């Protein structure tokens, strides 16, 4: 089991602990933030997404496949086990409108910005 801690800051992982460590991508856009994780072989029932205050936690597990006693493996590089990733969210995220979807082994979590936190254009008037 590995654990890593990073300096506190917007969208940086706070804690990583895993036997199976999925890759994440975090995108910032005008509308909000999108988190994507490659989770091949992880079932929806084995996945948990939680929002607590300004923290997003994703945890789950990938089960090892059953093997027969008479099977011979010449290589086994696939990893299995549990993982947890925790991210600190910046101010202005509308956690009430968060949406998560698991499709084709990719978890996508959309976290929109609150309307008052969205950038808006300020007109400049010359006099």
Protein backbone atom coordinates (compact mmCIF):
# COMPACT_ATOMS: atom_id res chain seq x y z
CA UNK A 1 0.00 0.00 0.00
CA UNK A 2 1.41 3.39 -1.04
CA UNK A 3 0.59 6.76 0.48
CA UNK A 4 1.61 10.15 -0.87
CA UNK A 5 0.81 13.58 0.47
CA UNK A 6 1.02 16.82 -1.51
CA UNK A 7 1.05 20.46 -0.52
CA UNK A 8 -2.44 21.84 0.00
CA UNK A 9 -3.72 23.66 -3.07
CA UNK A 10 -6.58 23.74 -5.49
CA UNK A 11 -7.25 20.41 -7.18
CA UNK A 12 -4.08 18.76 -5.92
CA UNK A 13 -4.44 15.29 -4.48
CA UNK A 14 -4.33 15.35 -0.69
CA UNK A 15 -3.84 11.67 -0.20
CA UNK A 16 -3.23 8.66 -2.36
CA UNK A 17 -3.30 5.15 -1.00
CA UNK A 18 -3.62 2.17 -3.24
CA UNK A 19 -2.75 -1.29 -4.34
CA UNK A 20 -4.43 -0.48 -7.65
CA UNK A 21 -3.69 3.14 -8.58
CA UNK A 22 -5.90 4.49 -11.39
CA UNK A 23 -4.81 7.43 -13.50
CA UNK A 24 -6.76 10.69 -13.11
CA UNK A 25 -7.20 13.73 -15.31
CA UNK A 26 -8.56 17.00 -13.90
CA UNK A 27 -9.79 19.70 -16.27
CA UNK A 28 -10.76 23.28 -15.40
CA UNK A 29 -13.19 25.01 -17.75
CA UNK A 30 -15.44 28.05 -17.72
CA UNK A 31 -18.37 25.85 -16.62
CA UNK A 32 -16.56 23.98 -13.86
CA UNK A 33 -14.25 21.05 -13.24
CA UNK A 34 -14.21 17.60 -14.80
CA UNK A 35 -12.42 14.65 -13.20
CA UNK A 36 -11.80 11.53 -15.29
CA UNK A 37 -10.29 8.29 -14.09
CA UNK A 38 -9.38 5.14 -15.96
CA UNK A 39 -11.06 2.33 -14.03
CA UNK A 40 -11.12 -0.75 -16.27
CA UNK A 41 -12.52 -3.74 -14.45
CA UNK A 42 -14.03 -1.70 -11.59
CA UNK A 43 -17.75 -2.36 -11.12
CA UNK A 44 -20.15 0.44 -10.21
CA UNK A 45 -21.00 -1.38 -6.97
CA UNK A 46 -17.30 -1.26 -5.98
CA UNK A 47 -16.98 2.50 -6.49
CA UNK A 48 -17.77 5.33 -4.06
CA UNK A 49 -17.69 9.08 -4.74
CA UNK A 50 -18.10 11.45 -1.79
CA UNK A 51 -18.17 15.22 -1.46
CA UNK A 52 -17.50 16.63 2.00
CA UNK A 53 -17.13 20.39 2.30
CA UNK A 54 -14.41 21.24 -0.22
CA UNK A 55 -13.09 17.68 -0.64
CA UNK A 56 -13.82 15.13 -3.32
CA UNK A 57 -12.99 11.52 -2.42
CA UNK A 58 -13.09 8.65 -4.86
CA UNK A 59 -12.52 5.12 -3.65
CA UNK A 60 -13.05 1.68 -5.04
CA UNK A 61 -11.53 -1.69 -5.71
CA UNK A 62 -10.68 -3.98 -8.57
CA UNK A 63 -10.97 -7.65 -7.76
CA UNK A 64 -8.42 -10.17 -8.95
CA UNK A 65 -9.72 -12.68 -11.43
CA UNK A 66 -10.27 -16.23 -10.29
CA UNK A 67 -7.59 -18.64 -11.48
CA UNK A 68 -7.67 -22.37 -11.81
CA UNK A 69 -5.02 -24.50 -10.19
CA UNK A 70 -3.88 -25.92 -13.53
CA UNK A 71 -3.32 -22.48 -15.16
CA UNK A 72 0.22 -21.21 -15.75
CA UNK A 73 1.00 -17.49 -15.95
CA UNK A 74 4.20 -16.36 -17.67
CA UNK A 75 3.60 -12.70 -16.90
CA UNK A 76 1.22 -10.87 -14.60
CA UNK A 77 1.50 -7.09 -14.64
CA UNK A 78 -2.09 -6.17 -13.85
CA UNK A 79 -2.74 -4.67 -10.43
CA UNK A 80 -5.68 -5.29 -8.15
CA UNK A 81 -6.88 -4.00 -4.84
CA UNK A 82 -8.38 -0.92 -3.27
CA UNK A 83 -7.66 2.73 -3.95
CA UNK A 84 -8.60 6.10 -2.51
CA UNK A 85 -7.97 9.52 -4.04
CA UNK A 86 -8.88 12.77 -2.28
CA UNK A 87 -8.81 16.19 -3.95
CA UNK A 88 -9.25 19.66 -2.45
CA UNK A 89 -11.75 21.69 -4.45
CA UNK A 90 -11.42 25.44 -4.99
CA UNK A 91 -14.03 27.95 -3.86
CA UNK A 92 -17.10 28.35 -6.05
CA UNK A 93 -17.84 24.71 -6.87
CA UNK A 94 -21.55 23.82 -6.79
CA UNK A 95 -21.36 20.43 -5.07
CA UNK A 96 -25.17 20.13 -5.08
CA UNK A 97 -25.09 19.76 -8.87
CA UNK A 98 -22.25 17.24 -9.06
CA UNK A 99 -22.73 14.40 -11.53
CA UNK A 100 -20.80 11.11 -11.83
CA UNK A 101 -20.92 8.49 -14.58
CA UNK A 102 -19.04 5.23 -15.15
CA UNK A 103 -18.97 4.30 -18.83
CA UNK A 104 -16.64 1.93 -20.69
CA UNK A 105 -14.24 1.79 -17.74
CA UNK A 106 -13.94 5.58 -17.42
CA UNK A 107 -15.34 7.46 -14.43
CA UNK A 108 -16.34 11.06 -15.21
CA UNK A 109 -17.27 13.45 -12.41
CA UNK A 110 -18.57 16.90 -13.39
CA UNK A 111 -18.53 19.65 -10.77
CA UNK A 112 -20.07 22.88 -12.10
CA UNK A 113 -19.23 26.32 -10.79
CA UNK A 114 -21.86 28.24 -8.86
CA UNK A 115 -23.33 30.99 -11.07
CA UNK A 116 -21.82 33.74 -8.91
CA UNK A 117 -18.40 32.08 -9.21
CA UNK A 118 -18.43 31.96 -13.03
CA UNK A 119 -16.29 34.54 -14.78
CA UNK A 120 -18.26 37.39 -16.25
CA UNK A 121 -17.31 40.13 -18.64
CA UNK A 122 -17.08 43.66 -17.31
CA UNK A 123 -17.67 46.36 -19.91
CA UNK A 124 -15.24 49.22 -19.99
CA UNK A 125 -16.74 52.63 -20.70
CA UNK A 126 -14.57 55.53 -21.73
CA UNK A 127 -15.57 59.07 -20.76
